[in-house]
């Protein structure tokens, strides 16, 4: 089933691009945008999967409130793609399943 793109790139005076790697594939994306906006402009539709049903998710609010755009950037998981500016050479991967929280309760030395 074909899905029409929800976001379209408007013509811009600055057509600069940067090269990133998304899930092992090289991509040329618009420079000077958030990672989320750049990936959407490049046609990426799936950023992560839900932990329970593995449903595909993508950016929703584009301002850091909803956490639907969580991805792994340069080996660091749980990054909000809408809040980080895309940079040349970024290694970006979709995030699968539950977020990993290395949280230790207060006063507990070993978990």
N, C-alpha and C. Protein backbone atom coordinates (compact mmCIF):
# COMPACT_ATOMS: atom_id res chain seq x y z
N UNK A 1 0.84 -1.17 0.00
CA UNK A 1 0.00 0.00 0.00
C UNK A 1 0.89 1.24 0.00
N UNK A 2 0.73 2.09 -0.98
CA UNK A 2 1.53 3.31 -1.08
C UNK A 2 0.99 4.37 -0.13
N UNK A 3 1.92 5.06 0.54
CA UNK A 3 1.55 6.13 1.45
C UNK A 3 2.11 7.42 0.92
N UNK A 4 1.26 8.42 0.80
CA UNK A 4 1.70 9.72 0.31
C UNK A 4 2.54 10.39 1.40
N UNK A 5 3.60 11.06 0.99
CA UNK A 5 4.47 11.77 1.93
C UNK A 5 3.68 12.84 2.67
N UNK A 6 3.84 12.91 3.98
CA UNK A 6 3.18 13.93 4.78
C UNK A 6 3.94 15.26 4.75
N UNK A 7 5.26 15.17 4.52
CA UNK A 7 6.09 16.36 4.52
C UNK A 7 6.70 16.56 3.15
N UNK A 8 6.71 17.78 2.69
CA UNK A 8 7.34 18.11 1.42
C UNK A 8 8.35 19.22 1.65
N UNK A 9 9.48 19.12 0.99
CA UNK A 9 10.52 20.13 1.12
C UNK A 9 10.18 21.30 0.22
N UNK A 10 10.18 22.48 0.80
CA UNK A 10 9.96 23.69 0.03
C UNK A 10 11.25 24.09 -0.66
N UNK A 11 11.15 24.72 -1.83
CA UNK A 11 12.37 25.17 -2.51
C UNK A 11 13.13 26.14 -1.60
N UNK A 12 14.43 25.98 -1.54
CA UNK A 12 15.24 26.84 -0.68
C UNK A 12 16.41 27.41 -1.47
N UNK A 13 16.83 28.58 -1.05
CA UNK A 13 17.98 29.21 -1.69
C UNK A 13 19.24 28.41 -1.39
N UNK A 14 19.33 27.87 -0.19
CA UNK A 14 20.50 27.09 0.21
C UNK A 14 20.20 25.61 -0.02
N UNK A 15 20.82 25.04 -1.03
CA UNK A 15 20.60 23.63 -1.35
C UNK A 15 21.75 22.76 -0.88
N UNK A 16 22.47 23.21 0.15
CA UNK A 16 23.60 22.45 0.67
C UNK A 16 23.13 21.14 1.28
N UNK A 17 23.95 20.13 1.13
CA UNK A 17 23.62 18.82 1.71
C UNK A 17 24.80 18.30 2.52
N UNK A 18 24.51 17.34 3.38
CA UNK A 18 25.55 16.63 4.11
C UNK A 18 25.31 15.13 3.89
N UNK A 19 26.38 14.36 4.02
CA UNK A 19 26.27 12.92 3.86
C UNK A 19 26.21 12.27 5.23
N UNK A 20 25.23 11.39 5.42
CA UNK A 20 25.09 10.62 6.65
C UNK A 20 24.92 9.16 6.26
N UNK A 21 24.97 8.29 7.25
CA UNK A 21 24.71 6.87 7.02
C UNK A 21 23.50 6.52 7.85
N UNK A 22 22.44 6.02 7.20
CA UNK A 22 21.21 5.64 7.89
C UNK A 22 21.01 4.14 7.72
N UNK A 23 21.05 3.41 8.83
CA UNK A 23 20.92 1.95 8.83
C UNK A 23 21.86 1.30 7.83
N UNK A 24 23.09 1.82 7.77
CA UNK A 24 24.11 1.24 6.91
C UNK A 24 24.13 1.74 5.48
N UNK A 25 23.14 2.54 5.09
CA UNK A 25 23.07 3.04 3.72
C UNK A 25 23.43 4.53 3.69
N UNK A 26 24.30 4.94 2.75
CA UNK A 26 24.63 6.36 2.65
C UNK A 26 23.44 7.18 2.16
N UNK A 27 23.27 8.35 2.75
CA UNK A 27 22.19 9.27 2.35
C UNK A 27 22.76 10.67 2.23
N UNK A 28 22.28 11.42 1.29
CA UNK A 28 22.60 12.83 1.18
C UNK A 28 21.35 13.58 1.62
N UNK A 29 21.48 14.35 2.69
CA UNK A 29 20.31 15.02 3.28
C UNK A 29 20.55 16.53 3.33
N UNK A 30 19.47 17.32 3.42
CA UNK A 30 19.62 18.77 3.51
C UNK A 30 20.39 19.19 4.76
N UNK A 31 21.31 20.10 4.61
CA UNK A 31 22.10 20.61 5.74
C UNK A 31 21.30 21.67 6.50
N UNK A 32 21.70 21.91 7.76
CA UNK A 32 21.11 22.98 8.54
C UNK A 32 19.73 22.69 9.08
N UNK A 33 19.34 21.43 9.11
CA UNK A 33 18.03 21.04 9.63
C UNK A 33 18.22 20.05 10.77
N UNK A 34 17.13 19.77 11.46
CA UNK A 34 17.21 18.73 12.47
C UNK A 34 17.38 17.39 11.78
N UNK A 35 17.89 16.41 12.51
CA UNK A 35 18.04 15.07 11.95
C UNK A 35 16.68 14.56 11.46
N UNK A 36 15.63 14.80 12.25
CA UNK A 36 14.29 14.34 11.86
C UNK A 36 13.85 14.97 10.54
N UNK A 37 13.97 16.28 10.42
CA UNK A 37 13.55 16.97 9.20
C UNK A 37 14.38 16.52 8.00
N UNK A 38 15.68 16.34 8.21
CA UNK A 38 16.56 15.91 7.11
C UNK A 38 16.20 14.51 6.64
N UNK A 39 15.96 13.59 7.58
CA UNK A 39 15.60 12.23 7.20
C UNK A 39 14.23 12.18 6.52
N UNK A 40 13.28 12.94 7.03
CA UNK A 40 11.96 12.99 6.38
C UNK A 40 12.08 13.53 4.96
N UNK A 41 12.90 14.56 4.77
CA UNK A 41 13.10 15.12 3.43
C UNK A 41 13.75 14.11 2.49
N UNK A 42 14.53 13.18 3.05
CA UNK A 42 15.19 12.16 2.24
C UNK A 42 14.28 10.95 2.00
N UNK A 43 13.07 10.99 2.55
CA UNK A 43 12.11 9.91 2.30
C UNK A 43 12.02 8.84 3.37
N UNK A 44 12.75 9.00 4.47
CA UNK A 44 12.68 8.01 5.56
C UNK A 44 11.33 8.15 6.25
N UNK A 45 10.63 7.03 6.41
CA UNK A 45 9.30 7.06 7.03
C UNK A 45 9.23 6.34 8.36
N UNK A 46 10.23 5.54 8.69
CA UNK A 46 10.20 4.76 9.93
C UNK A 46 11.47 5.05 10.74
N UNK A 47 11.30 5.60 11.94
CA UNK A 47 12.43 5.95 12.79
C UNK A 47 12.65 4.94 13.91
N UNK A 48 11.59 4.30 14.38
CA UNK A 48 11.71 3.34 15.46
C UNK A 48 10.51 2.41 15.43
N UNK A 49 10.54 1.41 16.33
CA UNK A 49 9.41 0.49 16.48
C UNK A 49 8.98 0.52 17.94
N UNK A 50 7.67 0.38 18.18
CA UNK A 50 7.18 0.36 19.55
C UNK A 50 7.61 -0.92 20.24
N UNK A 51 7.84 -0.87 21.56
CA UNK A 51 8.31 -2.05 22.27
C UNK A 51 7.28 -3.18 22.34
N UNK A 52 6.01 -2.88 22.35
CA UNK A 52 4.99 -3.90 22.54
C UNK A 52 4.58 -4.57 21.23
N UNK A 53 4.19 -3.77 20.23
CA UNK A 53 3.66 -4.34 18.99
C UNK A 53 4.61 -4.24 17.81
N UNK A 54 5.74 -3.58 17.98
CA UNK A 54 6.71 -3.35 16.90
C UNK A 54 6.12 -2.49 15.78
N UNK A 55 5.12 -1.69 16.11
CA UNK A 55 4.52 -0.78 15.12
C UNK A 55 5.54 0.28 14.72
N UNK A 56 5.56 0.65 13.45
CA UNK A 56 6.50 1.69 13.01
C UNK A 56 6.09 3.06 13.54
N UNK A 57 7.08 3.85 13.92
CA UNK A 57 6.84 5.21 14.42
C UNK A 57 7.74 6.18 13.69
N UNK A 58 7.30 7.43 13.65
CA UNK A 58 8.05 8.51 13.02
C UNK A 58 7.78 9.80 13.79
N UNK A 59 8.52 10.86 13.50
CA UNK A 59 8.31 12.12 14.22
C UNK A 59 6.86 12.57 14.17
N UNK A 60 6.41 13.14 15.26
CA UNK A 60 5.03 13.61 15.36
C UNK A 60 4.98 15.10 15.65
N UNK A 61 5.58 15.51 16.76
CA UNK A 61 5.45 16.92 17.16
C UNK A 61 6.56 17.81 16.61
N UNK A 62 7.72 17.24 16.32
CA UNK A 62 8.89 17.96 15.80
C UNK A 62 9.39 19.06 16.73
N UNK A 63 9.10 18.94 18.05
CA UNK A 63 9.60 19.93 19.01
C UNK A 63 10.03 19.31 20.34
N UNK A 64 10.23 18.00 20.37
CA UNK A 64 10.79 17.37 21.55
C UNK A 64 9.83 16.98 22.64
N UNK A 65 8.54 16.96 22.37
CA UNK A 65 7.56 16.63 23.39
C UNK A 65 7.13 15.17 23.35
N UNK A 66 6.98 14.59 22.18
CA UNK A 66 6.33 13.29 22.06
C UNK A 66 7.26 12.07 22.11
N UNK A 67 8.52 12.20 21.84
CA UNK A 67 9.51 11.12 21.85
C UNK A 67 9.26 10.05 20.77
N UNK A 68 8.50 10.36 19.74
CA UNK A 68 8.27 9.41 18.65
C UNK A 68 9.45 9.33 17.70
N UNK A 69 10.37 10.28 17.77
CA UNK A 69 11.49 10.32 16.84
C UNK A 69 12.78 9.76 17.42
N UNK A 70 12.70 8.98 18.49
CA UNK A 70 13.91 8.43 19.11
C UNK A 70 14.68 7.55 18.14
N UNK A 71 15.97 7.82 18.03
CA UNK A 71 16.85 7.04 17.17
C UNK A 71 18.22 6.94 17.83
N UNK A 72 19.09 6.17 17.21
CA UNK A 72 20.47 6.06 17.68
C UNK A 72 21.34 6.90 16.76
N UNK A 73 22.12 7.81 17.34
CA UNK A 73 23.02 8.66 16.57
C UNK A 73 24.44 8.44 17.08
N UNK A 74 25.32 8.07 16.19
CA UNK A 74 26.73 7.84 16.52
C UNK A 74 26.88 6.93 17.74
N UNK A 75 26.08 5.87 17.80
CA UNK A 75 26.18 4.88 18.87
C UNK A 75 25.47 5.24 20.16
N UNK A 76 24.83 6.40 20.22
CA UNK A 76 24.11 6.82 21.42
C UNK A 76 22.61 6.67 21.17
N UNK A 77 21.97 5.80 21.95
CA UNK A 77 20.54 5.54 21.78
C UNK A 77 19.69 6.64 22.44
N UNK A 78 18.40 6.59 22.18
CA UNK A 78 17.41 7.48 22.80
C UNK A 78 17.62 8.95 22.47
N UNK A 79 18.13 9.25 21.29
CA UNK A 79 18.31 10.64 20.88
C UNK A 79 17.05 11.12 20.19
N UNK A 80 16.59 12.30 20.52
CA UNK A 80 15.43 12.88 19.86
C UNK A 80 15.89 13.54 18.57
N UNK A 81 15.54 12.95 17.46
CA UNK A 81 16.00 13.41 16.16
C UNK A 81 15.53 14.82 15.83
N UNK A 82 14.43 15.24 16.41
CA UNK A 82 13.91 16.58 16.10
C UNK A 82 14.68 17.69 16.81
N UNK A 83 15.52 17.34 17.79
CA UNK A 83 16.24 18.36 18.56
C UNK A 83 17.73 18.45 18.23
N UNK A 84 18.20 17.62 17.32
CA UNK A 84 19.63 17.57 17.00
C UNK A 84 19.85 17.96 15.56
N UNK A 85 20.77 18.90 15.33
CA UNK A 85 21.07 19.32 13.95
C UNK A 85 21.91 18.26 13.25
N UNK A 86 21.55 17.96 12.03
CA UNK A 86 22.26 16.95 11.25
C UNK A 86 23.67 17.45 10.95
N UNK A 87 24.65 16.53 11.04
CA UNK A 87 26.05 16.85 10.81
C UNK A 87 26.65 15.86 9.82
N UNK A 88 27.62 16.31 9.08
CA UNK A 88 28.34 15.46 8.13
C UNK A 88 28.87 14.22 8.83
N UNK A 89 28.64 13.05 8.23
CA UNK A 89 29.21 11.80 8.71
C UNK A 89 28.46 11.11 9.83
N UNK A 90 27.33 11.65 10.25
CA UNK A 90 26.58 11.00 11.34
C UNK A 90 26.22 9.56 10.96
N UNK A 91 26.33 8.68 11.95
CA UNK A 91 25.90 7.29 11.81
C UNK A 91 24.56 7.19 12.53
N UNK A 92 23.49 6.97 11.78
CA UNK A 92 22.14 7.00 12.34
C UNK A 92 21.50 5.64 12.14
N UNK A 93 20.85 5.14 13.19
CA UNK A 93 20.16 3.85 13.11
C UNK A 93 18.77 3.96 13.73
N UNK A 94 17.84 3.19 13.19
CA UNK A 94 16.51 3.13 13.80
C UNK A 94 16.65 2.49 15.18
N UNK A 95 15.73 2.82 16.05
CA UNK A 95 15.74 2.26 17.40
C UNK A 95 14.63 1.24 17.50
N UNK A 96 15.00 0.04 17.87
CA UNK A 96 14.03 -1.06 17.92
C UNK A 96 13.70 -1.42 19.36
N UNK A 97 12.42 -1.56 19.65
CA UNK A 97 11.98 -2.03 20.96
C UNK A 97 12.09 -0.99 22.06
N UNK A 98 12.16 -1.49 23.29
CA UNK A 98 12.15 -0.62 24.47
C UNK A 98 13.44 0.17 24.61
N UNK A 99 13.32 1.35 25.18
CA UNK A 99 14.49 2.16 25.47
C UNK A 99 15.26 1.50 26.59
N UNK A 100 16.56 1.66 26.57
CA UNK A 100 17.41 1.09 27.60
C UNK A 100 17.69 2.17 28.64
N UNK A 101 17.27 1.93 29.86
CA UNK A 101 17.49 2.89 30.94
C UNK A 101 18.45 2.27 31.94
N UNK A 102 19.58 2.87 32.11
CA UNK A 102 20.53 2.42 33.11
C UNK A 102 20.38 3.29 34.35
N UNK A 103 19.23 3.14 34.99
CA UNK A 103 18.91 3.96 36.15
C UNK A 103 19.08 3.12 37.40
N UNK A 104 19.78 3.66 38.37
CA UNK A 104 19.97 2.98 39.64
C UNK A 104 19.20 3.76 40.70
N UNK A 105 18.33 3.10 41.47
CA UNK A 105 17.60 3.80 42.53
C UNK A 105 18.55 4.48 43.49
N UNK A 106 18.13 5.61 44.05
CA UNK A 106 18.95 6.36 45.00
C UNK A 106 19.33 5.49 46.18
N UNK A 107 20.58 5.52 46.57
CA UNK A 107 21.06 4.76 47.72
C UNK A 107 21.40 3.31 47.42
N UNK A 108 21.21 2.85 46.20
CA UNK A 108 21.51 1.47 45.84
C UNK A 108 22.82 1.46 45.06
N UNK A 109 23.82 0.73 45.59
CA UNK A 109 25.11 0.69 44.93
C UNK A 109 25.17 -0.35 43.83
N UNK A 110 24.55 -1.52 44.03
CA UNK A 110 24.57 -2.59 43.04
C UNK A 110 23.16 -3.02 42.74
N UNK A 111 22.89 -3.19 41.47
CA UNK A 111 21.56 -3.64 41.06
C UNK A 111 21.67 -5.01 40.47
